[in-house]
PDB file of N, CA and C in Angstrom:
ATOM      1  N   MET A   1      89.535 163.231  92.638  1.00  0.00           N
ATOM      2  CA  MET A   1      88.183 162.646  92.358  1.00  0.00           C
ATOM      3  C   MET A   1      87.231 163.760  91.915  1.00  0.00           C
ATOM      4  N   THR A   2      86.394 163.411  90.823  1.00  0.00           N
ATOM      5  CA  THR A   2      85.482 164.416  90.444  1.00  0.00           C
ATOM      6  C   THR A   2      84.173 164.360  91.265  1.00  0.00           C
ATOM      7  N   PRO A   3      83.647 165.506  91.687  1.00  0.00           N
ATOM      8  CA  PRO A   3      82.497 165.490  92.566  1.00  0.00           C
ATOM      9  C   PRO A   3      81.266 165.026  91.703  1.00  0.00           C
ATOM     10  N   HIS A   4      80.427 164.221  92.295  1.00  0.00           N
ATOM     11  CA  HIS A   4      79.115 163.831  91.845  1.00  0.00           C
ATOM     12  C   HIS A   4      78.096 164.664  91.978  1.00  0.00           C
ATOM     13  N   ASP A   5      77.114 164.752  91.122  1.00  0.00           N
ATOM     14  CA  ASP A   5      75.855 165.508  91.331  1.00  0.00           C
ATOM     15  C   ASP A   5      74.938 164.872  92.211  1.00  0.00           C
ATOM     16  N   VAL A   6      74.238 165.660  92.948  1.00  0.00           N
ATOM     17  CA  VAL A   6      73.211 165.093  93.806  1.00  0.00           C
ATOM     18  C   VAL A   6      72.203 164.320  93.094  1.00  0.00           C
ATOM     19  N   SER A   7      71.845 163.211  93.664  1.00  0.00           N
ATOM     20  CA  SER A   7      70.865 162.361  92.991  1.00  0.00           C
ATOM     21  C   SER A   7      69.723 161.950  93.921  1.00  0.00           C
ATOM     22  N   GLU A   8      69.782 162.317  95.159  1.00  0.00           N
ATOM     23  CA  GLU A   8      68.670 162.015  96.118  1.00  0.00           C
ATOM     24  C   GLU A   8      68.370 163.158  96.918  1.00  0.00           C
ATOM     25  N   PHE A   9      67.075 163.254  97.273  1.00  0.00           N
ATOM     26  CA  PHE A   9      66.579 164.290  98.204  1.00  0.00           C
ATOM     27  C   PHE A   9      65.693 163.810  99.145  1.00  0.00           C
ATOM     28  N   ILE A  10      65.798 164.382 100.452  1.00  0.00           N
ATOM     29  CA  ILE A  10      64.904 163.949 101.484  1.00  0.00           C
ATOM     30  C   ILE A  10      63.803 165.080 101.614  1.00  0.00           C
ATOM     31  N   ILE A  11      62.664 164.702 101.687  1.00  0.00           N
ATOM     32  CA  ILE A  11      61.463 165.505 101.725  1.00  0.00           C
ATOM     33  C   ILE A  11      60.642 165.328 102.997  1.00  0.00           C
ATOM     34  N   ALA A  12      60.565 166.532 103.709  1.00  0.00           N
ATOM     35  CA  ALA A  12      59.666 166.625 104.851  1.00  0.00           C
ATOM     36  C   ALA A  12      58.600 167.445 104.579  1.00  0.00           C
ATOM     37  N   PRO A  13      57.255 166.942 104.787  1.00  0.00           N
ATOM     38  CA  PRO A  13      56.051 167.673 104.569  1.00  0.00           C
ATOM     39  C   PRO A  13      55.884 168.758 105.650  1.00  0.00           C
ATOM     40  N   PRO A  14      54.999 169.706 105.291  1.00  0.00           N
ATOM     41  CA  PRO A  14      54.643 170.722 106.229  1.00  0.00           C
ATOM     42  C   PRO A  14      54.035 170.111 107.524  1.00  0.00           C
ATOM     43  N   LEU A  15      54.477 170.539 108.666  1.00  0.00           N
ATOM     44  CA  LEU A  15      53.983 169.899 109.966  1.00  0.00           C
ATOM     45  C   LEU A  15      52.444 169.941 110.103  1.00  0.00           C
ATOM     46  N   SER A  16      51.833 170.955 109.717  1.00  0.00           N
ATOM     47  CA  SER A  16      50.375 170.929 109.916  1.00  0.00           C
ATOM     48  C   SER A  16      49.530 170.056 108.912  1.00  0.00           C
ATOM     49  N   ARG A  17      50.302 169.571 107.864  1.00  0.00           N
ATOM     50  CA  ARG A  17      49.668 168.697 106.844  1.00  0.00           C
ATOM     51  C   ARG A  17      50.314 167.343 106.754  1.00  0.00           C
ATOM     52  N   ARG A  18      51.222 167.103 107.683  1.00  0.00           N
ATOM     53  CA  ARG A  18      51.971 165.979 107.615  1.00  0.00           C
ATOM     54  C   ARG A  18      51.246 164.658 107.387  1.00  0.00           C
ATOM     55  N   GLN A  19      50.414 164.323 108.250  1.00  0.00           N
ATOM     56  CA  GLN A  19      49.675 163.146 108.235  1.00  0.00           C
ATOM     57  C   GLN A  19      48.976 162.692 106.975  1.00  0.00           C
ATOM     58  N   ARG A  20      48.317 163.849 106.378  1.00  0.00           N
ATOM     59  CA  ARG A  20      47.610 163.691 105.107  1.00  0.00           C
ATOM     60  C   ARG A  20      48.691 163.367 103.976  1.00  0.00           C
ATOM     61  N   ILE A  21      49.857 163.997 103.988  1.00  0.00           N
ATOM     62  CA  ILE A  21      50.705 163.790 102.868  1.00  0.00           C
ATOM     63  C   ILE A  21      51.464 162.459 103.218  1.00  0.00           C
ATOM     64  N   ILE A  22      51.716 162.167 104.326  1.00  0.00           N
ATOM     65  CA  ILE A  22      52.292 160.795 104.526  1.00  0.00           C
ATOM     66  C   ILE A  22      51.351 159.616 104.064  1.00  0.00           C
ATOM     67  N   ARG A  23      50.071 159.938 104.301  1.00  0.00           N
ATOM     68  CA  ARG A  23      49.113 158.942 103.850  1.00  0.00           C
ATOM     69  C   ARG A  23      49.151 158.779 102.250  1.00  0.00           C
ATOM     70  N   SER A  24      49.571 160.014 101.714  1.00  0.00           N
ATOM     71  CA  SER A  24      49.648 159.821 100.045  1.00  0.00           C
ATOM     72  C   SER A  24      51.100 159.547  99.686  1.00  0.00           C
ATOM     73  N   ARG A  25      51.820 158.937 100.384  1.00  0.00           N
ATOM     74  CA  ARG A  25      53.277 158.573 100.185  1.00  0.00           C
ATOM     75  C   ARG A  25      53.478 157.938  98.792  1.00  0.00           C
ATOM     76  N   GLU A  26      52.618 156.998  98.490  1.00  0.00           N
ATOM     77  CA  GLU A  26      52.726 156.239  97.275  1.00  0.00           C
ATOM     78  C   GLU A  26      52.582 157.125  96.044  1.00  0.00           C
ATOM     79  N   ARG A  27      51.415 157.889  95.948  1.00  0.00           N
ATOM     80  CA  ARG A  27      50.976 158.831  95.036  1.00  0.00           C
ATOM     81  C   ARG A  27      52.099 159.964  94.784  1.00  0.00           C
ATOM     82  N   LEU A  28      52.630 160.427  95.962  1.00  0.00           N
ATOM     83  CA  LEU A  28      53.666 161.428  95.981  1.00  0.00           C
ATOM     84  C   LEU A  28      54.897 160.919  95.380  1.00  0.00           C
ATOM     85  N   ALA A  29      55.253 159.679  95.662  1.00  0.00           N
ATOM     86  CA  ALA A  29      56.446 159.153  95.072  1.00  0.00           C
ATOM     87  C   ALA A  29      56.391 158.885  93.530  1.00  0.00           C
ATOM     88  N   HIS A  30      55.246 158.457  93.081  1.00  0.00           N
ATOM     89  CA  HIS A  30      54.926 158.321  91.601  1.00  0.00           C
ATOM     90  C   HIS A  30      55.051 159.658  90.871  1.00  0.00           C
ATOM     91  N   TYR A  31      54.271 160.482  91.443  1.00  0.00           N
ATOM     92  CA  TYR A  31      54.260 161.958  90.955  1.00  0.00           C
ATOM     93  C   TYR A  31      55.678 162.534  90.865  1.00  0.00           C
ATOM     94  N   LEU A  32      56.520 162.395  91.906  1.00  0.00           N
ATOM     95  CA  LEU A  32      57.899 162.950  91.707  1.00  0.00           C
ATOM     96  C   LEU A  32      58.836 162.159  90.798  1.00  0.00           C
ATOM     97  N   ARG A  33      58.616 161.017  90.758  1.00  0.00           N
ATOM     98  CA  ARG A  33      59.355 160.207  89.647  1.00  0.00           C
ATOM     99  C   ARG A  33      59.055 160.616  88.238  1.00  0.00           C
ATOM    100  N   GLY A  34      57.720 160.995  88.040  1.00  0.00           N
ATOM    101  CA  GLY A  34      57.348 161.520  86.749  1.00  0.00           C
ATOM    102  C   GLY A  34      57.931 162.814  86.421  1.00  0.00           C
ATOM    103  N   GLN A  35      58.013 163.697  87.499  1.00  0.00           N
ATOM    104  CA  GLN A  35      58.410 165.034  87.357  1.00  0.00           C
ATOM    105  C   GLN A  35      60.003 165.183  87.286  1.00  0.00           C
ATOM    106  N   PHE A  36      60.589 164.264  87.994  1.00  0.00           N
ATOM    107  CA  PHE A  36      62.158 164.324  88.148  1.00  0.00           C
ATOM    108  C   PHE A  36      62.718 162.849  88.137  1.00  0.00           C
ATOM    109  N   PRO A  37      62.640 162.294  86.933  1.00  0.00           N
ATOM    110  CA  PRO A  37      63.191 160.951  86.829  1.00  0.00           C
ATOM    111  C   PRO A  37      64.723 160.802  87.148  1.00  0.00           C
ATOM    112  N   GLU A  38      65.378 161.861  87.104  1.00  0.00           N
ATOM    113  CA  GLU A  38      66.832 161.716  87.321  1.00  0.00           C
ATOM    114  C   GLU A  38      67.231 161.689  88.825  1.00  0.00           C
ATOM    115  N   PHE A  39      66.174 161.873  89.710  1.00  0.00           N
ATOM    116  CA  PHE A  39      66.362 161.945  91.154  1.00  0.00           C
ATOM    117  C   PHE A  39      65.627 160.892  91.918  1.00  0.00           C
ATOM    118  N   GLU A  40      66.139 160.608  93.086  1.00  0.00           N
ATOM    119  CA  GLU A  40      65.373 159.692  94.027  1.00  0.00           C
ATOM    120  C   GLU A  40      64.916 160.584  95.205  1.00  0.00           C
ATOM    121  N   PHE A  41      63.853 160.213  95.713  1.00  0.00           N
ATOM    122  CA  PHE A  41      63.175 161.007  96.820  1.00  0.00           C
ATOM    123  C   PHE A  41      62.791 160.089  98.018  1.00  0.00           C
ATOM    124  N   ARG A  42      63.158 160.478  99.237  1.00  0.00           N
ATOM    125  CA  ARG A  42      62.795 159.788 100.478  1.00  0.00           C
ATOM    126  C   ARG A  42      61.975 160.727 101.297  1.00  0.00           C
ATOM    127  N   LEU A  43      60.716 160.325 101.563  1.00  0.00           N
ATOM    128  CA  LEU A  43      59.898 161.065 102.430  1.00  0.00           C
ATOM    129  C   LEU A  43      59.958 160.912 103.911  1.00  0.00           C
ATOM    130  N   ILE A  44      60.258 161.796 104.650  1.00  0.00           N
ATOM    131  CA  ILE A  44      60.320 161.592 106.128  1.00  0.00           C
ATOM    132  C   ILE A  44      59.342 162.252 106.810  1.00  0.00           C
ATOM    133  N   GLU A  45      58.997 162.006 108.068  1.00  0.00           N
ATOM    134  CA  GLU A  45      57.753 162.525 108.752  1.00  0.00           C
ATOM    135  C   GLU A  45      58.193 164.005 109.389  1.00  0.00           C
ATOM    136  N   MET A  46      59.363 164.236 109.850  1.00  0.00           N
ATOM    137  CA  MET A  46      59.673 165.440 110.428  1.00  0.00           C
ATOM    138  C   MET A  46      61.161 165.909 109.956  1.00  0.00           C
ATOM    139  N   ALA A  47      61.284 167.156 109.723  1.00  0.00           N
ATOM    140  CA  ALA A  47      62.522 167.753 109.282  1.00  0.00           C
ATOM    141  C   ALA A  47      63.352 168.154 110.449  1.00  0.00           C
ATOM    142  N   PRO A  48      64.611 168.023 110.482  1.00  0.00           N
ATOM    143  CA  PRO A  48      65.369 168.527 111.558  1.00  0.00           C
ATOM    144  C   PRO A  48      65.613 170.128 111.551  1.00  0.00           C
ATOM    145  N   VAL A  49      65.199 170.692 110.367  1.00  0.00           N
ATOM    146  CA  VAL A  49      65.257 172.241 110.175  1.00  0.00           C
ATOM    147  C   VAL A  49      64.203 172.567 109.277  1.00  0.00           C
ATOM    148  N   GLY A  50      63.959 173.899 109.279  1.00  0.00           N
ATOM    149  CA  GLY A  50      63.003 174.452 108.166  1.00  0.00           C
ATOM    150  C   GLY A  50      61.658 174.943 108.826  1.00  0.00           C
ATOM    151  N   GLU A  51      60.837 175.275 107.958  1.00  0.00           N
ATOM    152  CA  GLU A  51      59.569 176.046 108.306  1.00  0.00           C
ATOM    153  C   GLU A  51      58.400 174.992 108.600  1.00  0.00           C
ATOM    154  N   ASP A  52      57.574 175.277 109.269  1.00  0.00           N
ATOM    155  CA  ASP A  52      56.370 174.396 109.564  1.00  0.00           C
ATOM    156  C   ASP A  52      55.334 174.528 108.545  1.00  0.00           C
ATOM    157  N   ASP A  53      55.325 175.663 107.637  1.00  0.00           N
ATOM    158  CA  ASP A  53      54.230 175.763 106.695  1.00  0.00           C
ATOM    159  C   ASP A  53      54.638 175.308 105.311  1.00  0.00           C
ATOM    160  N   ASP A  54      55.761 174.883 105.034  1.00  0.00           N
ATOM    161  CA  ASP A  54      56.268 174.526 103.646  1.00  0.00           C
ATOM    162  C   ASP A  54      57.038 173.186 103.774  1.00  0.00           C
ATOM    163  N   PHE A  55      57.177 172.650 102.579  1.00  0.00           N
ATOM    164  CA  PHE A  55      58.048 171.360 102.363  1.00  0.00           C
ATOM    165  C   PHE A  55      59.433 171.911 102.716  1.00  0.00           C
ATOM    166  N   VAL A  56      60.220 170.825 103.241  1.00  0.00           N
ATOM    167  CA  VAL A  56      61.630 170.915 103.330  1.00  0.00           C
ATOM    168  C   VAL A  56      62.209 170.052 102.348  1.00  0.00           C
ATOM    169  N   VAL A  57      63.180 170.583 101.570  1.00  0.00           N
ATOM    170  CA  VAL A  57      63.787 169.735 100.495  1.00  0.00           C
ATOM    171  C   VAL A  57      65.254 169.588 100.886  1.00  0.00           C
ATOM    172  N   LEU A  58      65.864 168.592 101.341  1.00  0.00           N
ATOM    173  CA  LEU A  58      67.212 168.501 101.708  1.00  0.00           C
ATOM    174  C   LEU A  58      67.848 167.604 100.621  1.00  0.00           C
ATOM    175  N   PRO A  59      68.918 168.091 100.055  1.00  0.00           N
ATOM    176  CA  PRO A  59      69.766 167.297  99.119  1.00  0.00           C
ATOM    177  C   PRO A  59      70.589 166.354  99.867  1.00  0.00           C
ATOM    178  N   VAL A  60      70.781 165.066  99.538  1.00  0.00           N
ATOM    179  CA  VAL A  60      71.901 164.201 100.161  1.00  0.00           C
ATOM    180  C   VAL A  60      73.204 164.658  99.532  1.00  0.00           C
ATOM    181  N   MET A  61      73.986 165.314 100.189  1.00  0.00           N
ATOM    182  CA  MET A  61      75.213 165.932  99.619  1.00  0.00           C
ATOM    183  C   MET A  61      76.544 165.098  99.654  1.00  0.00           C
ATOM    184  N   ASN A  62      76.389 163.782 100.195  1.00  0.00           N
ATOM    185  CA  ASN A  62      77.698 163.142 100.193  1.00  0.00           C
ATOM    186  C   ASN A  62      77.496 161.646  99.420  1.00  0.00           C
ATOM    187  N   PHE A  63      78.560 161.161  99.129  1.00  0.00           N
ATOM    188  CA  PHE A  63      78.768 159.894  98.448  1.00  0.00           C
ATOM    189  C   PHE A  63      79.996 159.180  98.863  1.00  0.00           C
ATOM    190  N   VAL A  64      79.913 157.850  98.950  1.00  0.00           N
ATOM    191  CA  VAL A  64      81.039 157.146  99.171  1.00  0.00           C
ATOM    192  C   VAL A  64      81.861 156.848  97.731  1.00  0.00           C
ATOM    193  N   GLY A  65      83.079 157.235  97.766  1.00  0.00           N
ATOM    194  CA  GLY A  65      83.915 156.996  96.577  1.00  0.00           C
ATOM    195  C   GLY A  65      84.491 155.682  96.474  1.00  0.00           C
ATOM    196  N   ASP A  66      85.155 155.357  95.290  1.00  0.00           N
ATOM    197  CA  ASP A  66      85.922 154.199  95.114  1.00  0.00           C
ATOM    198  C   ASP A  66      86.909 153.824  96.227  1.00  0.00           C
ATOM    199  N   ASP A  67      87.261 154.906  96.810  1.00  0.00           N
ATOM    200  CA  ASP A  67      88.365 154.843  97.828  1.00  0.00           C
ATOM    201  C   ASP A  67      87.748 154.441  99.044  1.00  0.00           C
ATOM    202  N   GLY A  68      86.578 154.364  99.267  1.00  0.00           N
ATOM    203  CA  GLY A  68      85.783 153.993 100.445  1.00  0.00           C
ATOM    204  C   GLY A  68      85.522 155.123 101.472  1.00  0.00           C
ATOM    205  N   LYS A  69      85.992 156.274 100.895  1.00  0.00           N
ATOM    206  CA  LYS A  69      85.781 157.483 101.859  1.00  0.00           C
ATOM    207  C   LYS A  69      84.578 158.319 101.389  1.00  0.00           C
ATOM    208  N   SER A  70      83.973 159.173 102.241  1.00  0.00           N
ATOM    209  CA  SER A  70      83.011 159.837 102.061  1.00  0.00           C
ATOM    210  C   SER A  70      83.330 161.184 101.287  1.00  0.00           C
ATOM    211  N   HIS A  71      82.682 161.636 100.180  1.00  0.00           N
ATOM    212  CA  HIS A  71      83.014 162.864  99.549  1.00  0.00           C
ATOM    213  C   HIS A  71      81.668 163.706  99.500  1.00  0.00           C
ATOM    214  N   MET A  72      81.922 164.913  99.244  1.00  0.00           N
ATOM    215  CA  MET A  72      80.762 165.832  98.962  1.00  0.00           C
ATOM    216  C   MET A  72      80.437 165.916  97.481  1.00  0.00           C
ATOM    217  N   CYS A  73      79.089 165.981  97.405  1.00  0.00           N
ATOM    218  CA  CYS A  73      78.566 166.167  95.957  1.00  0.00           C
ATOM    219  C   CYS A  73      78.759 167.684  95.544  1.00  0.00           C
ATOM    220  N   LYS A  74      78.561 168.006  94.236  1.00  0.00           N
ATOM    221  CA  LYS A  74      78.537 169.254  93.825  1.00  0.00           C
ATOM    222  C   LYS A  74      77.291 170.021  94.331  1.00  0.00           C
ATOM    223  N   PRO A  75      77.408 171.255  94.710  1.00  0.00           N
ATOM    224  CA  PRO A  75      76.285 172.085  95.346  1.00  0.00           C
ATOM    225  C   PRO A  75      75.005 172.012  94.370  1.00  0.00           C
ATOM    226  N   VAL A  76      73.930 171.866  94.866  1.00  0.00           N
ATOM    227  CA  VAL A  76      72.778 171.919  93.977  1.00  0.00           C
ATOM    228  C   VAL A  76      72.286 173.268  93.721  1.00  0.00           C
ATOM    229  N   PRO A  77      72.010 173.452  92.242  1.00  0.00           N
ATOM    230  CA  PRO A  77      71.462 174.779  92.035  1.00  0.00           C
ATOM    231  C   PRO A  77      70.336 175.137  92.697  1.00  0.00           C
ATOM    232  N   THR A  78      70.311 176.409  93.149  1.00  0.00           N
ATOM    233  CA  THR A  78      68.952 176.949  93.768  1.00  0.00           C
ATOM    234  C   THR A  78      67.640 176.596  92.976  1.00  0.00           C
ATOM    235  N   PHE A  79      67.648 176.846  91.664  1.00  0.00           N
ATOM    236  CA  PHE A  79      66.569 176.590  91.031  1.00  0.00           C
ATOM    237  C   PHE A  79      65.908 175.125  90.928  1.00  0.00           C
ATOM    238  N   THR A  80      66.895 174.168  91.171  1.00  0.00           N
ATOM    239  CA  THR A  80      66.497 172.737  91.352  1.00  0.00           C
ATOM    240  C   THR A  80      65.738 172.645  92.654  1.00  0.00           C
ATOM    241  N   LEU A  81      66.090 173.216  93.650  1.00  0.00           N
ATOM    242  CA  LEU A  81      65.286 173.152  95.123  1.00  0.00           C
ATOM    243  C   LEU A  81      64.003 173.850  94.787  1.00  0.00           C
ATOM    244  N   VAL A  82      63.983 174.940  94.090  1.00  0.00           N
ATOM    245  CA  VAL A  82      62.713 175.757  93.864  1.00  0.00           C
ATOM    246  C   VAL A  82      61.836 174.954  92.961  1.00  0.00           C
ATOM    247  N   ARG A  83      62.180 174.189  91.967  1.00  0.00           N
ATOM    248  CA  ARG A  83      61.479 173.467  91.091  1.00  0.00           C
ATOM    249  C   ARG A  83      60.850 172.260  91.777  1.00  0.00           C
ATOM    250  N   ILE A  84      61.637 171.555  92.780  1.00  0.00           N
ATOM    251  CA  ILE A  84      61.114 170.490  93.555  1.00  0.00           C
ATOM    252  C   ILE A  84      60.032 171.000  94.496  1.00  0.00           C
ATOM    253  N   ARG A  85      60.313 171.988  95.174  1.00  0.00           N
ATOM    254  CA  ARG A  85      59.377 172.511  96.170  1.00  0.00           C
ATOM    255  C   ARG A  85      58.046 172.945  95.404  1.00  0.00           C
ATOM    256  N   GLU A  86      58.187 173.548  94.310  1.00  0.00           N
ATOM    257  CA  GLU A  86      56.993 173.873  93.616  1.00  0.00           C
ATOM    258  C   GLU A  86      56.233 172.750  93.084  1.00  0.00           C
ATOM    259  N   ALA A  87      56.925 171.770  92.752  1.00  0.00           N
ATOM    260  CA  ALA A  87      56.252 170.323  92.301  1.00  0.00           C
ATOM    261  C   ALA A  87      55.440 169.808  93.539  1.00  0.00           C
ATOM    262  N   LEU A  88      56.030 169.936  94.700  1.00  0.00           N
ATOM    263  CA  LEU A  88      55.526 169.449  95.873  1.00  0.00           C
ATOM    264  C   LEU A  88      54.156 170.290  96.162  1.00  0.00           C
ATOM    265  N   ARG A  89      54.307 171.550  96.043  1.00  0.00           N
ATOM    266  CA  ARG A  89      53.161 172.250  96.306  1.00  0.00           C
ATOM    267  C   ARG A  89      51.953 172.099  95.158  1.00  0.00           C
ATOM    268  N   GLN A  90      52.337 171.807  93.976  1.00  0.00           N
ATOM    269  CA  GLN A  90      51.305 171.530  92.991  1.00  0.00           C
ATOM    270  C   GLN A  90      50.803 170.125  93.309  1.00  0.00           C
ATOM    271  N   PHE A  91      51.492 169.253  93.670  1.00  0.00           N
ATOM    272  CA  PHE A  91      50.975 167.845  94.058  1.00  0.00           C
ATOM    273  C   PHE A  91      49.927 168.085  95.211  1.00  0.00           C
ATOM    274  N   GLU A  92      50.254 168.861  96.136  1.00  0.00           N
ATOM    275  CA  GLU A  92      49.280 169.064  97.324  1.00  0.00           C
ATOM    276  C   GLU A  92      48.103 169.729  96.811  1.00  0.00           C
ATOM    277  N   ARG A  93      48.228 170.802  95.992  1.00  0.00           N
ATOM    278  CA  ARG A  93      46.914 171.481  95.458  1.00  0.00           C
ATOM    279  C   ARG A  93      46.179 170.436  94.703  1.00  0.00           C
ATOM    280  N   THR A  94      46.762 169.737  93.853  1.00  0.00           N
ATOM    281  CA  THR A  94      45.922 168.721  92.966  1.00  0.00           C
ATOM    282  C   THR A  94      45.318 167.720  93.907  1.00  0.00           C
ATOM    283  N   SER A  95      45.987 167.230  94.932  1.00  0.00           N
ATOM    284  CA  SER A  95      45.387 166.271  95.771  1.00  0.00           C
ATOM    285  C   SER A  95      44.279 166.782  96.555  1.00  0.00           C
ATOM    286  N   ALA A  96      44.372 167.996  97.020  1.00  0.00           N
ATOM    287  CA  ALA A  96      43.304 168.585  97.815  1.00  0.00           C
ATOM    288  C   ALA A  96      42.121 168.887  96.953  1.00  0.00           C
ATOM    289  N   LYS A  97      42.199 169.176  95.708  1.00  0.00           N
ATOM    290  CA  LYS A  97      41.130 169.422  94.777  1.00  0.00           C
ATOM    291  C   LYS A  97      40.403 168.095  94.579  1.00  0.00           C
ATOM    292  N   ALA A  98      41.102 166.964  94.505  1.00  0.00           N
ATOM    293  CA  ALA A  98      40.551 165.627  94.210  1.00  0.00           C
ATOM    294  C   ALA A  98      39.742 165.188  95.372  1.00  0.00           C
ATOM    295  N   LEU A  99      40.107 165.582  96.597  1.00  0.00           N
ATOM    296  CA  LEU A  99      39.374 165.257  97.894  1.00  0.00           C
ATOM    297  C   LEU A  99      38.054 165.907  97.959  1.00  0.00           C
ATOM    298  N   HIS A 100      37.863 167.124  97.266  1.00  0.00           N
ATOM    299  CA  HIS A 100      36.671 167.959  97.563  1.00  0.00           C
ATOM    300  C   HIS A 100      35.623 167.478  96.354  1.00  0.00           C
TER     301      HIS A 100
END
């Protein structure tokens, strides 16, 4: 079986700014779809791991194959995670400027 590429990421906002980002859920989803149309994103309120001051980006690394079994996806290139995290920071900076 050929491994699949990751197509979905789970995003957890920084703890200190969580509520503000959660309230912007729809705008954030629209922004991410525009930046990364090849991926799907799911925003969660708290991450099981990570830093409190930055976004946590977790790739969904498994898929169910035609055989009905769970298989691992190909590892995500580090630069993909960096690009997503930077896009999230840019969204937050742009959103903060719009509120002032």
